[in-house]
Amino acid sequence: MENKFNFEEAMARLTTIADELEKDSLPLDDAIKLFEEGLELSKICQEKLSEYGETVKELVQKNQGEKND
């Protein structure tokens, strides 16, 4: 899956997929496809959170460096 989602879009789609998978009316083939898409979206979200975490860490370190000057 091309990483065309921002974090909020990926989470929204992931929520929709989770809601669909909770329904018992989905054919198994469709459920597997949605599950696979969900896994890919989960990976995108994890990568985005990791990137955001690094950005926050760098900003905090920069800010602490400026206070010590």
C-alpha atoms as a PDB file:
ATOM      1  CA  MET A   1       0.000   0.000   0.000  1.00  0.00           C
ATOM      2  CA  GLU A   2       1.366   3.365  -0.972  1.00  0.00           C
ATOM      3  CA  ASN A   3       1.814   5.609   2.049  1.00  0.00           C
ATOM      4  CA  LYS A   4      -0.700   8.191   0.832  1.00  0.00           C
ATOM      5  CA  PHE A   5      -2.373   8.678   4.206  1.00  0.00           C
ATOM      6  CA  ASN A   6      -1.510  11.122   6.927  1.00  0.00           C
ATOM      7  CA  PHE A   7      -1.893   9.836  10.491  1.00  0.00           C
ATOM      8  CA  GLU A   8      -5.459  11.036  10.970  1.00  0.00           C
ATOM      9  CA  GLU A   9      -6.636   9.604   7.647  1.00  0.00           C
ATOM     10  CA  ALA A  10      -4.989   6.255   8.350  1.00  0.00           C
ATOM     11  CA  MET A  11      -6.549   6.088  11.816  1.00  0.00           C
ATOM     12  CA  ALA A  12      -9.982   6.975  10.455  1.00  0.00           C
ATOM     13  CA  ARG A  13      -9.747   4.265   7.807  1.00  0.00           C
ATOM     14  CA  LEU A  14      -8.450   1.808  10.395  1.00  0.00           C
ATOM     15  CA  THR A  15     -11.448   2.584  12.618  1.00  0.00           C
ATOM     16  CA  THR A  16     -13.813   2.009   9.700  1.00  0.00           C
ATOM     17  CA  ILE A  17     -12.135  -1.320   8.949  1.00  0.00           C
ATOM     18  CA  ALA A  18     -12.383  -2.385  12.592  1.00  0.00           C
ATOM     19  CA  ASP A  19     -16.095  -1.539  12.592  1.00  0.00           C
ATOM     20  CA  GLU A  20     -16.624  -3.566   9.418  1.00  0.00           C
ATOM     21  CA  LEU A  21     -14.689  -6.551  10.768  1.00  0.00           C
ATOM     22  CA  GLU A  22     -16.829  -6.571  13.924  1.00  0.00           C
ATOM     23  CA  LYS A  23     -19.873  -7.304  11.788  1.00  0.00           C
ATOM     24  CA  ASP A  24     -20.499 -11.003  11.293  1.00  0.00           C
ATOM     25  CA  SER A  25     -22.023 -10.492   7.863  1.00  0.00           C
ATOM     26  CA  LEU A  26     -18.767 -10.104   5.898  1.00  0.00           C
ATOM     27  CA  PRO A  27     -17.721 -12.920   3.593  1.00  0.00           C
ATOM     28  CA  LEU A  28     -14.401 -14.415   4.693  1.00  0.00           C
ATOM     29  CA  ASP A  29     -12.549 -13.246   1.563  1.00  0.00           C
ATOM     30  CA  ASP A  30     -13.642  -9.649   2.180  1.00  0.00           C
ATOM     31  CA  ALA A  31     -12.745  -9.884   5.861  1.00  0.00           C
ATOM     32  CA  ILE A  32      -9.239 -11.114   5.015  1.00  0.00           C
ATOM     33  CA  LYS A  33      -8.742  -8.253   2.535  1.00  0.00           C
ATOM     34  CA  LEU A  34      -9.872  -5.716   5.123  1.00  0.00           C
ATOM     35  CA  PHE A  35      -7.674  -7.312   7.770  1.00  0.00           C
ATOM     36  CA  GLU A  36      -4.671  -7.070   5.458  1.00  0.00           C
ATOM     37  CA  GLU A  37      -5.433  -3.422   4.711  1.00  0.00           C
ATOM     38  CA  GLY A  38      -5.777  -2.801   8.434  1.00  0.00           C
ATOM     39  CA  LEU A  39      -2.354  -4.289   9.110  1.00  0.00           C
ATOM     40  CA  GLU A  40      -0.811  -2.027   6.485  1.00  0.00           C
ATOM     41  CA  LEU A  41      -2.576   1.014   7.934  1.00  0.00           C
ATOM     42  CA  SER A  42      -1.415   0.054  11.404  1.00  0.00           C
ATOM     43  CA  LYS A  43       2.151  -0.010  10.134  1.00  0.00           C
ATOM     44  CA  ILE A  44       1.696   3.447   8.590  1.00  0.00           C
ATOM     45  CA  CYS A  45       0.372   4.772  11.908  1.00  0.00           C
ATOM     46  CA  GLN A  46       3.276   3.253  13.831  1.00  0.00           C
ATOM     47  CA  GLU A  47       5.784   4.791  11.421  1.00  0.00           C
ATOM     48  CA  LYS A  48       4.116   8.200  11.650  1.00  0.00           C
ATOM     49  CA  LEU A  49       4.058   8.067  15.460  1.00  0.00           C
ATOM     50  CA  SER A  50       7.722   7.123  15.495  1.00  0.00           C
ATOM     51  CA  GLU A  51       8.528  10.063  13.211  1.00  0.00           C
ATOM     52  CA  TYR A  52       6.485  12.427  15.383  1.00  0.00           C
ATOM     53  CA  GLY A  53       8.190  11.078  18.497  1.00  0.00           C
ATOM     54  CA  GLU A  54      11.619  11.783  17.027  1.00  0.00           C
ATOM     55  CA  THR A  55      10.541  15.285  16.041  1.00  0.00           C
ATOM     56  CA  VAL A  56       9.273  15.999  19.560  1.00  0.00           C
ATOM     57  CA  LYS A  57      12.472  14.596  21.066  1.00  0.00           C
ATOM     58  CA  GLU A  58      14.601  16.829  18.831  1.00  0.00           C
ATOM     59  CA  LEU A  59      12.493  19.893  19.661  1.00  0.00           C
ATOM     60  CA  VAL A  60      12.763  19.236  23.400  1.00  0.00           C
ATOM     61  CA  GLN A  61      16.515  18.739  23.171  1.00  0.00           C
ATOM     62  CA  LYS A  62      16.865  21.924  21.114  1.00  0.00           C
ATOM     63  CA  ASN A  63      14.743  23.861  23.591  1.00  0.00           C
ATOM     64  CA  GLN A  64      16.753  22.546  26.557  1.00  0.00           C
ATOM     65  CA  GLY A  65      19.976  23.518  24.768  1.00  0.00           C
ATOM     66  CA  GLU A  66      18.684  27.055  24.275  1.00  0.00           C
ATOM     67  CA  LYS A  67      17.775  27.342  27.983  1.00  0.00           C
ATOM     68  CA  ASN A  68      21.288  26.274  28.993  1.00  0.00           C
ATOM     69  CA  ASP A  69      22.932  28.962  26.833  1.00  0.00           C
END
